[in-house]
Structure formats: C-alpha cells, structure tokens
Amino acid sequence: MAQIPRHNVFISYHDEDRKYKERFIRLMNGRIIDKSVNVNDIDDTNIKTDTVRRKIRDEFIRDATVTIVLIGPCTWQRKHVDWEIGSSLRDTKRNSRCGLLGILLPNHPNYKSKRRQPNRRLVPPRLVDNRGGKDPYVHIYKWPNPWAPARIQQWIHEAFERRDGIPPNNGRPQFKRNRSGDCLRGWRS
C-alpha cells in the first residue's frame, strides 16, 4: 500500500468544541499540517464582516488542500463555519478548492445514533448541500473511538481526491449572522 501524503488541513469548528480541535491535532501526531485559525489570530471586533471573510479565506484556507468540519451540537448555527465551508468550496485564481469532510463529535446528539447519517437539521447546511447523490462531494464520519489516525488520514486523502471531481454546490447565500435559538432545536423531531 502506498504511503498517504500529509495534507494541509483547515479545521472548522464552533468555539465551544475547541477541545476537540486541539485533541484532533494532538492525536493526528504530525500526520497533517494544521492551517486553521487559532484563538486571537483574527480580532474581528472592529473590522467589517467582509474583511473577516477575506482574512479567513486568504490567510488561512488559501494554503489548505482539505477542510474538516468538526460537527458539534451547535456548529450548524455558526456564521464563521458557514463562511469557512463556502471559502473552501470556491475555486479561484488565488485560492484553489479544498476537499471537504465532516466529523461528527461525541457531544453531537446524533453521535450514538445507528443512522448512517446525522439529522440534517443539526449539520451545517452547506455540508448538507454537498453530501447527497451517488458520488457526494462531502462525506460525514463519526469521531472514531478508539482513535485511528491512519483511517482519518485516509478520509482526508479521499476528500482531497474528490475535490477535482463533481463541482460542489456553493449556491446557498452566506450567513450574515449566527443562527439563533436552542442549538438542539429540531433534534427531537
């Protein structure tokens, strides 16, 4: 079996799930190159929304080849996650398109479900838009237990290889603000 290359990976996540992002990086133990935004990398208190989006796209995602979305119970509500997914799907002269995958975290209400896919209302909508069909652009996996870095590295490489296949769906308008309400709304239905 051929050695899987290390990929430049941008990790998108809700700030409440930061411990999973940090754990992911630690457990991957050098098998990826982290290109994510870290705490205090962007102070967005006094800059325009478009400037924040541009900084995320041009200073962080630009060098990534794959974006991983860590999906916790409230991730689907976050404007920054939506912007990061949207920027990852764009293919421009300056930024090439990223492969994309989601990982359902153990704190997600559907993590223990036997269903093959999580409740679509609890997944970022732009991911849902790209996971259907016979050959989806996005695959969603569950956080492995026990941890399996070689398997995750394979998921990342497969997402990388899919990026030049079927064009992704990035037509949804970007969030202007975070969605509000109980982040578990829709879970019980």
N, C-alpha and C. Protein backbone atom coordinates (compact mmCIF):
# COMPACT_ATOMS: atom_id res chain seq x y z
N MET A 1 0.83 -1.18 0.00
CA MET A 1 0.00 0.00 0.00
C MET A 1 0.88 1.25 0.00
N ALA A 2 0.54 2.21 -0.86
CA ALA A 2 1.32 3.44 -0.97
C ALA A 2 1.12 4.31 0.26
N GLN A 3 2.16 5.05 0.61
CA GLN A 3 2.09 5.96 1.75
C GLN A 3 1.16 7.12 1.41
N ILE A 4 0.27 7.45 2.33
CA ILE A 4 -0.65 8.57 2.15
C ILE A 4 0.10 9.86 2.49
N PRO A 5 0.05 10.85 1.61
CA PRO A 5 0.77 12.10 1.90
C PRO A 5 0.11 12.90 3.01
N ARG A 6 0.90 13.74 3.68
CA ARG A 6 0.36 14.68 4.65
C ARG A 6 -0.30 15.81 3.87
N HIS A 7 -1.48 16.21 4.31
CA HIS A 7 -2.19 17.30 3.65
C HIS A 7 -2.24 18.52 4.55
N ASN A 8 -2.33 19.69 3.91
CA ASN A 8 -2.57 20.94 4.63
C ASN A 8 -4.05 20.98 4.95
N VAL A 9 -4.40 21.00 6.23
CA VAL A 9 -5.78 20.86 6.65
C VAL A 9 -6.25 22.08 7.42
N PHE A 10 -7.36 22.63 6.98
CA PHE A 10 -8.04 23.70 7.71
C PHE A 10 -9.16 23.04 8.51
N ILE A 11 -9.21 23.30 9.81
CA ILE A 11 -10.23 22.70 10.67
C ILE A 11 -11.22 23.79 11.07
N SER A 12 -12.47 23.57 10.69
CA SER A 12 -13.56 24.49 11.01
C SER A 12 -14.35 23.90 12.17
N TYR A 13 -14.67 24.73 13.16
CA TYR A 13 -15.35 24.23 14.35
C TYR A 13 -16.00 25.38 15.10
N HIS A 14 -16.96 25.05 15.93
CA HIS A 14 -17.58 26.02 16.83
C HIS A 14 -16.64 26.18 18.02
N ASP A 15 -16.48 27.40 18.52
CA ASP A 15 -15.55 27.65 19.60
C ASP A 15 -15.83 26.77 20.83
N GLU A 16 -17.08 26.41 21.07
CA GLU A 16 -17.41 25.54 22.20
C GLU A 16 -16.78 24.15 22.05
N ASP A 17 -16.38 23.79 20.84
CA ASP A 17 -15.78 22.48 20.56
C ASP A 17 -14.26 22.56 20.39
N ARG A 18 -13.67 23.64 20.85
CA ARG A 18 -12.21 23.84 20.68
C ARG A 18 -11.41 22.68 21.24
N LYS A 19 -11.86 22.11 22.36
CA LYS A 19 -11.10 21.00 22.96
C LYS A 19 -10.98 19.83 21.98
N TYR A 20 -12.01 19.60 21.14
CA TYR A 20 -11.93 18.54 20.14
C TYR A 20 -10.95 18.90 19.04
N LYS A 21 -10.92 20.16 18.65
CA LYS A 21 -9.96 20.58 17.62
C LYS A 21 -8.54 20.37 18.12
N GLU A 22 -8.27 20.80 19.34
CA GLU A 22 -6.94 20.65 19.91
C GLU A 22 -6.57 19.17 20.07
N ARG A 23 -7.53 18.38 20.49
CA ARG A 23 -7.30 16.94 20.64
C ARG A 23 -7.05 16.28 19.28
N PHE A 24 -7.81 16.70 18.27
CA PHE A 24 -7.64 16.18 16.91
C PHE A 24 -6.20 16.40 16.45
N ILE A 25 -5.71 17.63 16.59
CA ILE A 25 -4.34 17.96 16.16
C ILE A 25 -3.34 17.09 16.92
N ARG A 26 -3.51 16.99 18.23
CA ARG A 26 -2.58 16.21 19.06
C ARG A 26 -2.60 14.73 18.66
N LEU A 27 -3.79 14.17 18.47
CA LEU A 27 -3.90 12.74 18.17
C LEU A 27 -3.44 12.40 16.74
N MET A 28 -3.53 13.37 15.84
CA MET A 28 -3.03 13.11 14.48
C MET A 28 -1.50 13.10 14.44
N ASN A 29 -0.87 13.65 15.47
CA ASN A 29 0.56 13.49 15.71
C ASN A 29 1.42 13.70 14.46
N GLY A 30 1.25 14.85 13.79
CA GLY A 30 2.09 15.18 12.65
C GLY A 30 1.65 14.59 11.32
N ARG A 31 0.53 13.89 11.28
CA ARG A 31 0.06 13.30 10.01
C ARG A 31 -0.61 14.32 9.10
N ILE A 32 -0.88 15.53 9.65
CA ILE A 32 -1.45 16.62 8.86
C ILE A 32 -0.66 17.89 9.17
N ILE A 33 -0.84 18.89 8.32
CA ILE A 33 -0.26 20.21 8.57
C ILE A 33 -1.45 21.12 8.85
N ASP A 34 -1.53 21.63 10.08
CA ASP A 34 -2.68 22.43 10.52
C ASP A 34 -2.60 23.84 9.94
N LYS A 35 -3.63 24.25 9.23
CA LYS A 35 -3.72 25.59 8.63
C LYS A 35 -4.90 26.37 9.22
N SER A 36 -5.38 25.98 10.39
CA SER A 36 -6.58 26.55 10.99
C SER A 36 -6.35 27.91 11.62
N VAL A 37 -7.46 28.63 11.81
CA VAL A 37 -7.46 29.85 12.59
C VAL A 37 -7.40 29.44 14.05
N ASN A 38 -6.50 30.05 14.80
CA ASN A 38 -6.39 29.77 16.23
C ASN A 38 -6.93 30.96 17.02
N VAL A 39 -7.13 30.75 18.28
CA VAL A 39 -7.63 31.82 19.15
C VAL A 39 -6.73 33.04 19.02
N ASN A 40 -7.35 34.20 18.86
CA ASN A 40 -6.68 35.51 18.75
C ASN A 40 -5.94 35.72 17.43
N ASP A 41 -6.07 34.82 16.44
CA ASP A 41 -5.46 35.06 15.13
C ASP A 41 -6.15 36.22 14.41
N ILE A 42 -7.46 36.34 14.60
CA ILE A 42 -8.23 37.42 13.96
C ILE A 42 -9.06 38.09 15.05
N ASP A 43 -8.82 39.37 15.26
CA ASP A 43 -9.65 40.14 16.18
C ASP A 43 -10.73 40.82 15.33
N ASP A 44 -11.94 40.26 15.38
CA ASP A 44 -13.00 40.76 14.50
C ASP A 44 -13.92 41.78 15.17
N THR A 45 -13.48 42.37 16.29
CA THR A 45 -14.36 43.30 16.99
C THR A 45 -14.54 44.62 16.26
N ASN A 46 -13.54 45.09 15.55
CA ASN A 46 -13.65 46.40 14.90
C ASN A 46 -13.41 46.36 13.39
N ILE A 47 -13.62 45.20 12.77
CA ILE A 47 -13.46 45.14 11.32
C ILE A 47 -14.74 44.62 10.68
N LYS A 48 -14.91 44.97 9.43
CA LYS A 48 -16.12 44.60 8.70
C LYS A 48 -16.17 43.10 8.45
N THR A 49 -17.40 42.61 8.31
CA THR A 49 -17.64 41.19 8.05
C THR A 49 -16.88 40.73 6.81
N ASP A 50 -16.93 41.50 5.73
CA ASP A 50 -16.23 41.11 4.50
C ASP A 50 -14.72 40.99 4.71
N THR A 51 -14.18 41.83 5.59
CA THR A 51 -12.75 41.77 5.88
C THR A 51 -12.42 40.48 6.63
N VAL A 52 -13.27 40.09 7.59
CA VAL A 52 -13.07 38.84 8.31
C VAL A 52 -13.10 37.67 7.34
N ARG A 53 -14.11 37.65 6.48
CA ARG A 53 -14.22 36.56 5.48
C ARG A 53 -12.98 36.49 4.61
N ARG A 54 -12.52 37.65 4.14
CA ARG A 54 -11.34 37.69 3.27
C ARG A 54 -10.11 37.19 4.01
N LYS A 55 -9.93 37.61 5.27
CA LYS A 55 -8.78 37.16 6.06
C LYS A 55 -8.80 35.64 6.23
N ILE A 56 -9.96 35.09 6.56
CA ILE A 56 -10.06 33.63 6.72
C ILE A 56 -9.67 32.94 5.42
N ARG A 57 -10.26 33.42 4.32
CA ARG A 57 -10.02 32.79 3.01
C ARG A 57 -8.58 32.96 2.56
N ASP A 58 -8.05 34.19 2.61
CA ASP A 58 -6.75 34.48 2.01
C ASP A 58 -5.56 34.21 2.91
N GLU A 59 -5.76 34.18 4.22
CA GLU A 59 -4.63 33.99 5.11
C GLU A 59 -4.57 32.58 5.73
N PHE A 60 -5.67 31.84 5.67
CA PHE A 60 -5.68 30.52 6.31
C PHE A 60 -6.09 29.41 5.33
N ILE A 61 -7.25 29.55 4.72
CA ILE A 61 -7.75 28.49 3.83
C ILE A 61 -6.93 28.43 2.54
N ARG A 62 -6.34 29.51 2.14
CA ARG A 62 -5.59 29.56 0.88
C ARG A 62 -4.56 28.44 0.77
N ASP A 63 -3.89 28.13 1.85
CA ASP A 63 -2.84 27.11 1.83
C ASP A 63 -3.35 25.70 2.13
N ALA A 64 -4.65 25.57 2.41
CA ALA A 64 -5.20 24.26 2.75
C ALA A 64 -5.59 23.49 1.48
N THR A 65 -5.50 22.18 1.57
CA THR A 65 -5.97 21.32 0.48
C THR A 65 -7.24 20.59 0.88
N VAL A 66 -7.49 20.49 2.19
CA VAL A 66 -8.69 19.83 2.71
C VAL A 66 -9.20 20.63 3.90
N THR A 67 -10.52 20.77 3.99
CA THR A 67 -11.16 21.37 5.16
C THR A 67 -11.94 20.28 5.88
N ILE A 68 -11.74 20.21 7.19
CA ILE A 68 -12.50 19.29 8.04
C ILE A 68 -13.41 20.14 8.91
N VAL A 69 -14.70 19.79 8.93
CA VAL A 69 -15.65 20.47 9.79
C VAL A 69 -15.94 19.54 10.97
N LEU A 70 -15.57 19.98 12.17
CA LEU A 70 -15.88 19.23 13.38
C LEU A 70 -17.30 19.62 13.78
N ILE A 71 -18.22 18.66 13.77
CA ILE A 71 -19.64 18.95 13.94
C ILE A 71 -20.10 18.61 15.35
N GLY A 72 -20.26 19.65 16.16
CA GLY A 72 -20.83 19.53 17.49
C GLY A 72 -22.31 19.90 17.42
N PRO A 73 -22.98 20.00 18.57
CA PRO A 73 -24.42 20.25 18.58
C PRO A 73 -24.83 21.62 18.05
N CYS A 74 -23.93 22.61 18.09
CA CYS A 74 -24.30 23.97 17.66
C CYS A 74 -23.56 24.45 16.42
N THR A 75 -22.72 23.61 15.85
CA THR A 75 -21.89 24.01 14.70
C THR A 75 -22.74 24.54 13.55
N TRP A 76 -23.90 23.94 13.33
CA TRP A 76 -24.76 24.32 12.20
C TRP A 76 -25.22 25.78 12.28
N GLN A 77 -25.13 26.42 13.44
CA GLN A 77 -25.60 27.79 13.62
C GLN A 77 -24.56 28.85 13.31
N ARG A 78 -23.32 28.50 13.21
CA ARG A 78 -22.23 29.49 13.24
C ARG A 78 -21.89 30.07 11.89
N LYS A 79 -21.91 31.41 11.82
CA LYS A 79 -21.60 32.12 10.57
C LYS A 79 -20.17 31.86 10.12
N HIS A 80 -19.22 31.82 11.05
CA HIS A 80 -17.83 31.59 10.64
C HIS A 80 -17.65 30.21 10.01
N VAL A 81 -18.33 29.21 10.55
CA VAL A 81 -18.26 27.87 9.96
C VAL A 81 -18.82 27.90 8.55
N ASP A 82 -19.97 28.56 8.37
CA ASP A 82 -20.56 28.67 7.04
C ASP A 82 -19.60 29.37 6.07
N TRP A 83 -18.98 30.46 6.50
CA TRP A 83 -18.04 31.19 5.64
C TRP A 83 -16.84 30.32 5.30
N GLU A 84 -16.35 29.58 6.28
CA GLU A 84 -15.17 28.74 6.04
C GLU A 84 -15.48 27.61 5.06
N ILE A 85 -16.66 27.02 5.18
CA ILE A 85 -17.05 25.98 4.22
C ILE A 85 -17.19 26.60 2.83
N GLY A 86 -17.89 27.74 2.76
CA GLY A 86 -18.07 28.42 1.47
C GLY A 86 -16.75 28.78 0.81
N SER A 87 -15.81 29.31 1.59
CA SER A 87 -14.49 29.66 1.05
C SER A 87 -13.72 28.42 0.60
N SER A 88 -13.90 27.33 1.32
CA SER A 88 -13.22 26.08 0.96
C SER A 88 -13.72 25.51 -0.36
N LEU A 89 -14.98 25.79 -0.69
CA LEU A 89 -15.58 25.26 -1.91
C LEU A 89 -15.30 26.11 -3.14
N ARG A 90 -14.84 27.34 -2.94
CA ARG A 90 -14.56 28.23 -4.07
C ARG A 90 -13.27 27.82 -4.77
N ASP A 91 -13.28 27.96 -6.08
CA ASP A 91 -12.09 27.68 -6.87
C ASP A 91 -11.77 28.95 -7.66
N THR A 92 -10.75 29.68 -7.21
CA THR A 92 -10.39 30.94 -7.86
C THR A 92 -8.90 30.91 -8.22
N LYS A 93 -8.46 31.93 -8.94
CA LYS A 93 -7.04 32.02 -9.30
C LYS A 93 -6.17 32.08 -8.06
N ARG A 94 -6.66 32.73 -7.03
CA ARG A 94 -5.88 32.93 -5.82
C ARG A 94 -5.99 31.75 -4.84
N ASN A 95 -7.16 31.13 -4.77
CA ASN A 95 -7.41 30.03 -3.81
C ASN A 95 -8.04 28.87 -4.55
N SER A 96 -7.38 27.73 -4.56
CA SER A 96 -8.00 26.57 -5.19
C SER A 96 -8.96 25.90 -4.21
N ARG A 97 -9.89 25.17 -4.75
CA ARG A 97 -10.92 24.47 -3.96
C ARG A 97 -10.28 23.43 -3.05
N CYS A 98 -10.85 23.28 -1.87
CA CYS A 98 -10.40 22.26 -0.90
C CYS A 98 -11.29 21.04 -0.99
N GLY A 99 -10.72 19.89 -0.66
CA GLY A 99 -11.55 18.75 -0.36
C GLY A 99 -12.28 19.06 0.94
N LEU A 100 -13.39 18.38 1.20
CA LEU A 100 -14.20 18.73 2.36
C LEU A 100 -14.79 17.47 2.99
N LEU A 101 -14.73 17.39 4.32
CA LEU A 101 -15.38 16.30 5.05
C LEU A 101 -15.83 16.81 6.40
N GLY A 102 -16.79 16.09 6.98
CA GLY A 102 -17.27 16.42 8.31
C GLY A 102 -17.01 15.27 9.26
N ILE A 103 -16.77 15.61 10.52
CA ILE A 103 -16.61 14.59 11.56
C ILE A 103 -17.57 14.94 12.69
N LEU A 104 -18.50 14.05 12.92
CA LEU A 104 -19.49 14.20 13.99
C LEU A 104 -18.81 13.95 15.33
N LEU A 105 -18.90 14.92 16.22
CA LEU A 105 -18.24 14.83 17.51
C LEU A 105 -19.07 14.03 18.52
N PRO A 106 -18.41 13.46 19.53
CA PRO A 106 -19.13 12.69 20.54
C PRO A 106 -20.19 13.48 21.31
N ASN A 107 -20.10 14.83 21.32
CA ASN A 107 -21.09 15.64 22.02
C ASN A 107 -22.31 15.96 21.14
N HIS A 108 -22.29 15.53 19.90
CA HIS A 108 -23.42 15.77 18.99
C HIS A 108 -24.56 14.82 19.35
N PRO A 109 -25.82 15.31 19.33
CA PRO A 109 -26.95 14.47 19.72
C PRO A 109 -27.11 13.20 18.88
N ASN A 110 -26.62 13.18 17.65
CA ASN A 110 -26.76 12.01 16.79
C ASN A 110 -25.54 11.09 16.81
N TYR A 111 -24.56 11.39 17.64
CA TYR A 111 -23.32 10.61 17.63
C TYR A 111 -23.57 9.13 17.91
N LYS A 112 -24.43 8.82 18.86
CA LYS A 112 -24.68 7.42 19.22
C LYS A 112 -25.78 6.78 18.39
N SER A 113 -26.37 7.53 17.49
CA SER A 113 -27.44 7.02 16.65
C SER A 113 -26.92 5.94 15.71
N LYS A 114 -27.75 4.98 15.42
CA LYS A 114 -27.39 3.91 14.48
C LYS A 114 -27.59 4.36 13.03
N ARG A 115 -28.26 5.51 12.84
CA ARG A 115 -28.47 6.04 11.49
C ARG A 115 -27.14 6.28 10.81
N ARG A 116 -27.13 6.02 9.53
CA ARG A 116 -25.89 6.20 8.76
C ARG A 116 -25.47 7.67 8.69
N GLN A 117 -26.46 8.57 8.59
CA GLN A 117 -26.18 10.00 8.51
C GLN A 117 -26.90 10.72 9.65
N PRO A 118 -26.31 11.80 10.16
CA PRO A 118 -26.94 12.56 11.23
C PRO A 118 -28.16 13.34 10.73
N ASN A 119 -28.99 13.77 11.66
CA ASN A 119 -30.13 14.62 11.36
C ASN A 119 -29.63 15.84 10.59
N ARG A 120 -30.13 16.05 9.39
CA ARG A 120 -29.63 17.12 8.53
C ARG A 120 -29.84 18.51 9.11
N ARG A 121 -30.80 18.66 10.02
CA ARG A 121 -31.02 19.98 10.64
C ARG A 121 -29.96 20.30 11.67
N LEU A 122 -29.13 19.36 12.03
CA LEU A 122 -28.08 19.60 13.02
C LEU A 122 -26.68 19.55 12.40
N VAL A 123 -26.63 19.75 11.10
CA VAL A 123 -25.38 19.75 10.35
C VAL A 123 -25.32 21.08 9.59
N PRO A 124 -24.15 21.71 9.47
CA PRO A 124 -24.08 22.94 8.70
C PRO A 124 -24.73 22.77 7.32
N PRO A 125 -25.65 23.66 6.95
CA PRO A 125 -26.42 23.50 5.71
C PRO A 125 -25.57 23.34 4.45
N ARG A 126 -24.44 24.02 4.39
CA ARG A 126 -23.58 23.92 3.20
C ARG A 126 -22.96 22.52 3.09
N LEU A 127 -22.77 21.83 4.20
CA LEU A 127 -22.32 20.43 4.15
C LEU A 127 -23.46 19.56 3.63
N VAL A 128 -24.66 19.78 4.15
CA VAL A 128 -25.83 19.01 3.71
C VAL A 128 -26.01 19.15 2.20
N ASP A 129 -25.83 20.35 1.68
CA ASP A 129 -25.99 20.61 0.24
C ASP A 129 -25.05 19.76 -0.61
N ASN A 130 -23.98 19.27 -0.03
CA ASN A 130 -22.93 18.59 -0.79
C ASN A 130 -22.71 17.13 -0.42
N ARG A 131 -23.63 16.56 0.34
CA ARG A 131 -23.40 15.16 0.74
C ARG A 131 -24.37 14.18 0.09
N GLY A 132 -25.24 14.63 -0.77
CA GLY A 132 -26.21 13.73 -1.39
C GLY A 132 -25.72 13.12 -2.69
N GLY A 133 -26.52 12.23 -3.22
CA GLY A 133 -26.23 11.63 -4.51
C GLY A 133 -25.35 10.40 -4.42
N LYS A 134 -25.11 9.83 -5.59
CA LYS A 134 -24.33 8.60 -5.70
C LYS A 134 -22.85 8.83 -5.38
N ASP A 135 -22.35 9.98 -5.76
CA ASP A 135 -20.94 10.30 -5.56
C ASP A 135 -20.84 11.67 -4.89
N PRO A 136 -21.13 11.76 -3.57
CA PRO A 136 -21.18 13.07 -2.91
C PRO A 136 -19.81 13.73 -2.80
N TYR A 137 -19.82 15.05 -2.79
CA TYR A 137 -18.60 15.82 -2.59
C TYR A 137 -18.13 15.70 -1.14
N VAL A 138 -19.09 15.64 -0.21
CA VAL A 138 -18.79 15.61 1.22
C VAL A 138 -19.21 14.27 1.82
N HIS A 139 -18.33 13.72 2.63
CA HIS A 139 -18.66 12.55 3.45
C HIS A 139 -18.62 13.01 4.90
N ILE A 140 -19.53 12.46 5.71
CA ILE A 140 -19.54 12.76 7.14
C ILE A 140 -19.28 11.46 7.89
N TYR A 141 -18.31 11.52 8.80
CA TYR A 141 -17.90 10.36 9.59
C TYR A 141 -18.14 10.65 11.07
N LYS A 142 -18.08 9.63 11.88
CA LYS A 142 -18.14 9.82 13.32
C LYS A 142 -16.73 9.83 13.90
N TRP A 143 -16.54 10.67 14.92
CA TRP A 143 -15.27 10.72 15.64
C TRP A 143 -14.93 9.29 16.06
N PRO A 144 -13.80 8.76 15.63
CA PRO A 144 -13.51 7.35 15.90
C PRO A 144 -13.20 7.08 17.37
N ASN A 145 -13.71 5.99 17.82
CA ASN A 145 -13.42 5.52 19.16
C ASN A 145 -13.27 4.00 19.08
N PRO A 146 -12.08 3.44 19.16
CA PRO A 146 -10.82 4.08 19.51
C PRO A 146 -10.28 4.94 18.36
N TRP A 147 -9.33 5.83 18.72
CA TRP A 147 -8.75 6.74 17.74
C TRP A 147 -7.99 5.95 16.69
N ALA A 148 -8.12 6.38 15.43
CA ALA A 148 -7.49 5.65 14.32
C ALA A 148 -6.88 6.66 13.34
N PRO A 149 -5.69 7.17 13.63
CA PRO A 149 -5.11 8.21 12.78
C PRO A 149 -4.91 7.79 11.33
N ALA A 150 -4.55 6.55 11.08
CA ALA A 150 -4.36 6.11 9.69
C ALA A 150 -5.68 6.15 8.92
N ARG A 151 -6.77 5.77 9.58
CA ARG A 151 -8.08 5.81 8.91
C ARG A 151 -8.50 7.26 8.64
N ILE A 152 -8.26 8.14 9.59
CA ILE A 152 -8.61 9.55 9.39
C ILE A 152 -7.75 10.16 8.29
N GLN A 153 -6.49 9.79 8.25
CA GLN A 153 -5.62 10.27 7.18
C GLN A 153 -6.15 9.79 5.82
N GLN A 154 -6.70 8.60 5.77
CA GLN A 154 -7.31 8.09 4.53
C GLN A 154 -8.55 8.91 4.17
N TRP A 155 -9.40 9.24 5.15
CA TRP A 155 -10.58 10.09 4.89
C TRP A 155 -10.15 11.42 4.28
N ILE A 156 -9.09 11.99 4.86
CA ILE A 156 -8.58 13.28 4.39
C ILE A 156 -8.09 13.16 2.95
N HIS A 157 -7.35 12.12 2.67
CA HIS A 157 -6.82 11.94 1.31
C HIS A 157 -7.95 11.70 0.30
N GLU A 158 -8.96 10.94 0.69
CA GLU A 158 -10.11 10.72 -0.21
C GLU A 158 -10.85 12.02 -0.48
N ALA A 159 -11.00 12.89 0.54
CA ALA A 159 -11.63 14.20 0.33
C ALA A 159 -10.78 15.04 -0.63
N PHE A 160 -9.46 14.98 -0.48
CA PHE A 160 -8.55 15.68 -1.38
C PHE A 160 -8.75 15.20 -2.83
N GLU A 161 -8.85 13.91 -3.01
CA GLU A 161 -9.01 13.37 -4.37
C GLU A 161 -10.38 13.71 -4.97
N ARG A 162 -11.42 13.90 -4.14
CA ARG A 162 -12.75 14.25 -4.65
C ARG A 162 -12.85 15.70 -5.09
N ARG A 163 -11.94 16.55 -4.66
CA ARG A 163 -12.08 17.99 -4.90
C ARG A 163 -12.08 18.38 -6.37
N ASP A 164 -11.51 17.58 -7.22
CA ASP A 164 -11.49 17.90 -8.66
C ASP A 164 -12.53 17.11 -9.44
N GLY A 165 -13.38 16.38 -8.75
CA GLY A 165 -14.44 15.60 -9.41
C GLY A 165 -15.66 16.47 -9.66
N ILE A 166 -16.79 16.01 -9.20
CA ILE A 166 -18.04 16.75 -9.36
C ILE A 166 -17.93 18.11 -8.70
N PRO A 167 -18.34 19.19 -9.38
CA PRO A 167 -18.30 20.51 -8.75
C PRO A 167 -19.24 20.56 -7.54
N PRO A 168 -18.79 21.16 -6.45
CA PRO A 168 -19.64 21.25 -5.27
C PRO A 168 -20.75 22.27 -5.44
N ASN A 169 -21.74 22.19 -4.58
CA ASN A 169 -22.84 23.14 -4.56
C ASN A 169 -22.49 24.22 -3.53
N ASN A 170 -22.24 25.42 -4.01
CA ASN A 170 -21.91 26.54 -3.12
C ASN A 170 -22.84 27.71 -3.38
N GLY A 171 -24.07 27.41 -3.83
CA GLY A 171 -25.00 28.46 -4.22
C GLY A 171 -25.80 29.07 -3.09
N ARG A 172 -25.79 28.47 -1.93
CA ARG A 172 -26.55 28.99 -0.78
C ARG A 172 -25.98 30.35 -0.37
N PRO A 173 -26.85 31.33 -0.07
CA PRO A 173 -26.33 32.62 0.44
C PRO A 173 -25.59 32.41 1.76
N GLN A 174 -24.50 33.16 1.93
CA GLN A 174 -23.74 33.03 3.17
C GLN A 174 -24.52 33.61 4.35
N PHE A 175 -24.31 33.00 5.51
CA PHE A 175 -24.93 33.53 6.72
C PHE A 175 -24.45 34.97 6.92
N LYS A 176 -25.35 35.83 7.29
CA LYS A 176 -24.97 37.19 7.64
C LYS A 176 -24.66 37.29 9.14
N ARG A 177 -25.30 36.43 9.90
CA ARG A 177 -25.08 36.38 11.35
C ARG A 177 -25.30 34.95 11.82
N ASN A 178 -24.96 34.68 13.05
CA ASN A 178 -25.20 33.35 13.61
C ASN A 178 -26.70 33.09 13.67
N ARG A 179 -27.08 31.85 13.48
CA ARG A 179 -28.47 31.49 13.69
C ARG A 179 -28.73 31.50 15.18
N SER A 180 -29.95 31.84 15.55
CA SER A 180 -30.25 31.94 16.97
C SER A 180 -31.17 30.81 17.41
N GLY A 181 -31.40 30.75 18.70
CA GLY A 181 -32.30 29.75 19.26
C GLY A 181 -31.53 28.60 19.87
N ASP A 182 -32.29 27.68 20.40
CA ASP A 182 -31.72 26.49 21.03
C ASP A 182 -30.96 25.69 19.98
N CYS A 183 -29.70 25.43 20.21
CA CYS A 183 -28.92 24.72 19.20
C CYS A 183 -29.38 23.29 19.02
N LEU A 184 -30.18 22.78 19.90
CA LEU A 184 -30.71 21.42 19.74
C LEU A 184 -32.11 21.44 19.13
N ARG A 185 -32.57 22.63 18.73
CA ARG A 185 -33.88 22.72 18.09
C ARG A 185 -33.89 21.81 16.86
N GLY A 186 -34.94 21.09 16.67
CA GLY A 186 -35.05 20.18 15.53
C GLY A 186 -34.54 18.78 15.83
N TRP A 187 -33.76 18.64 16.89
CA TRP A 187 -33.20 17.34 17.23
C TRP A 187 -34.27 16.34 17.61
N ARG A 188 -35.29 16.80 18.32
CA ARG A 188 -36.31 15.90 18.83
C ARG A 188 -37.32 15.45 17.77
N SER A 189 -37.34 16.13 16.61
CA SER A 189 -38.33 15.77 15.59
C SER A 189 -37.92 14.60 14.75
